[in-house]
Amino acid sequence: AGAGFGKTTIASRIVTERDDVVVAHYFCRHDDRRFSCAKSMVLSIVYQLAQRFPQFRRRVSNILAKHGLNRGKLMGDKVNLSTIFTELVEIPLHSMKVSSYTRHVVVIDGLDESQSGNIL
């Protein structure tokens, strides 16, 4: 739906009221570069997942230490978005042991409002 239909309100409400299943969230903003950058979005989600899941946090910490990475290096031009997502989201999540009955949701709002070329 277009602007003004209440998508952000719905997403905010889900994040607030369903913290039992929402494990991370990100609200993109077209008018603020800090909140429309894909790397910032992925790193924010990684941080939230690390806060929620100790097993995930350990895995990400090991990957960062192994490659000598920090936020500054990750935000630079030498590390691309695909690598960040694969190494810090996909691989750690796949290595987690989670009950098949557990449901987790990551809410991303405003992806369509992000700056061209900055979001997946």
Protein backbone atom coordinates (compact mmCIF):
# COMPACT_ATOMS: atom_id res chain seq x y z
CA ALA A 1 0.00 0.00 0.00
CA GLY A 2 1.05 3.57 -0.50
CA ALA A 3 2.03 6.20 2.04
CA GLY A 4 -0.53 7.00 4.71
CA PHE A 5 -2.23 3.61 4.87
CA GLY A 6 -0.93 2.80 8.36
CA LYS A 7 1.68 0.15 7.61
CA THR A 8 4.16 1.68 10.06
CA THR A 9 1.49 1.91 12.76
CA ILE A 10 0.66 -1.76 12.29
CA ALA A 11 4.34 -2.75 12.31
CA SER A 12 4.96 -0.69 15.46
CA ARG A 13 2.04 -2.31 17.18
CA ILE A 14 3.24 -5.80 16.26
CA VAL A 15 6.72 -5.01 17.61
CA THR A 16 5.27 -3.63 20.85
CA GLU A 17 2.58 -6.23 21.48
CA ARG A 18 4.25 -9.39 20.20
CA ASP A 19 7.68 -9.30 21.82
CA ASP A 20 7.21 -13.03 22.42
CA VAL A 21 7.82 -13.66 18.70
CA VAL A 22 9.36 -10.43 17.35
CA VAL A 23 13.10 -10.87 17.91
CA ALA A 24 14.33 -7.85 15.94
CA HIS A 25 12.92 -4.88 14.09
CA TYR A 26 14.02 -2.01 11.89
CA PHE A 27 12.13 1.02 10.65
CA CYS A 28 13.62 2.53 7.48
CA ARG A 29 13.21 6.27 6.96
CA HIS A 30 13.62 7.85 3.55
CA ASP A 31 14.34 11.26 5.08
CA ASP A 32 17.20 10.11 7.33
CA ARG A 33 20.23 8.48 5.73
CA ARG A 34 21.14 6.73 9.00
CA PHE A 35 17.89 4.77 8.82
CA SER A 36 17.85 4.00 5.11
CA CYS A 37 21.25 2.32 4.80
CA ALA A 38 21.18 -1.44 4.25
CA LYS A 39 24.33 -2.10 6.25
CA SER A 40 22.92 -0.17 9.22
CA MET A 41 19.72 -2.18 8.98
CA VAL A 42 21.51 -5.54 8.92
CA LEU A 43 23.87 -4.58 11.74
CA SER A 44 20.98 -3.36 13.87
CA ILE A 45 19.18 -6.67 13.34
CA VAL A 46 22.39 -8.58 14.17
CA TYR A 47 22.74 -6.58 17.39
CA GLN A 48 19.14 -7.27 18.42
CA LEU A 49 19.45 -10.98 17.68
CA ALA A 50 22.70 -11.09 19.66
CA GLN A 51 20.95 -9.47 22.63
CA ARG A 52 18.16 -12.03 22.48
CA PHE A 53 20.10 -15.22 21.78
CA PRO A 54 23.40 -15.94 23.60
CA GLN A 55 24.24 -18.73 21.13
CA PHE A 56 23.89 -16.29 18.22
CA ARG A 57 25.94 -13.66 20.07
CA ARG A 58 28.82 -16.11 20.62
CA ARG A 59 28.82 -17.13 16.98
CA VAL A 60 28.82 -13.51 15.71
CA SER A 61 31.53 -12.53 18.22
CA ASN A 62 33.71 -15.37 16.98
CA ILE A 63 33.23 -14.37 13.34
CA LEU A 64 34.03 -10.71 14.07
CA ALA A 65 37.13 -11.62 16.07
CA LYS A 66 38.32 -14.12 13.46
CA HIS A 67 38.22 -11.47 10.72
CA GLY A 68 39.22 -8.51 12.92
CA LEU A 69 35.99 -6.69 12.11
CA ASN A 70 34.16 -3.91 13.93
CA ARG A 71 31.28 -1.60 12.99
CA GLY A 72 33.59 0.91 11.32
CA LYS A 73 35.14 -1.70 9.05
CA LEU A 74 31.77 -3.28 8.28
CA MET A 75 30.31 0.09 7.27
CA GLY A 76 33.26 0.78 4.96
CA ASP A 77 33.47 0.01 1.27
CA LYS A 78 35.69 -3.08 1.61
CA VAL A 79 32.94 -5.32 3.03
CA ASN A 80 29.84 -5.71 0.89
CA LEU A 81 26.27 -6.12 2.09
CA SER A 82 25.93 -9.68 0.85
CA THR A 83 28.98 -10.78 2.86
CA ILE A 84 27.71 -9.03 6.00
CA PHE A 85 24.31 -10.70 5.69
CA THR A 86 25.75 -14.15 4.99
CA GLU A 87 28.44 -14.06 7.67
CA LEU A 88 26.55 -12.28 10.45
CA VAL A 89 22.94 -13.34 9.92
CA GLU A 90 22.56 -16.41 7.75
CA ILE A 91 25.43 -18.57 9.03
CA PRO A 92 24.90 -17.83 12.75
CA LEU A 93 21.14 -18.43 12.47
CA HIS A 94 21.62 -21.73 10.68
CA SER A 95 24.02 -22.88 13.39
CA MET A 96 21.51 -22.26 16.19
CA LYS A 97 19.63 -25.11 17.79
CA VAL A 98 16.03 -23.98 18.10
CA SER A 99 12.90 -25.95 18.79
CA SER A 100 10.93 -26.62 15.63
CA TYR A 101 7.88 -25.27 17.49
CA THR A 102 9.47 -21.89 18.16
CA ARG A 103 8.39 -19.06 15.92
CA HIS A 104 10.54 -15.93 15.51
CA VAL A 105 9.84 -12.84 13.44
CA VAL A 106 12.02 -9.96 12.24
CA VAL A 107 9.94 -6.89 11.35
CA ILE A 108 11.33 -4.50 8.73
CA ASP A 109 9.18 -1.49 7.90
CA GLY A 110 9.62 1.08 5.15
CA LEU A 111 11.97 -0.92 2.97
CA ASP A 112 10.28 0.70 -0.02
CA GLU A 113 11.16 4.15 1.39
CA SER A 114 14.88 3.50 1.56
CA GLN A 115 17.38 5.32 -0.59
CA SER A 116 17.81 3.74 -4.01
CA GLY A 117 20.58 1.22 -4.09
CA ASN A 118 21.15 1.18 -0.34
CA ILE A 119 18.77 -1.57 0.65
CA LEU A 120 18.78 -5.16 -0.52
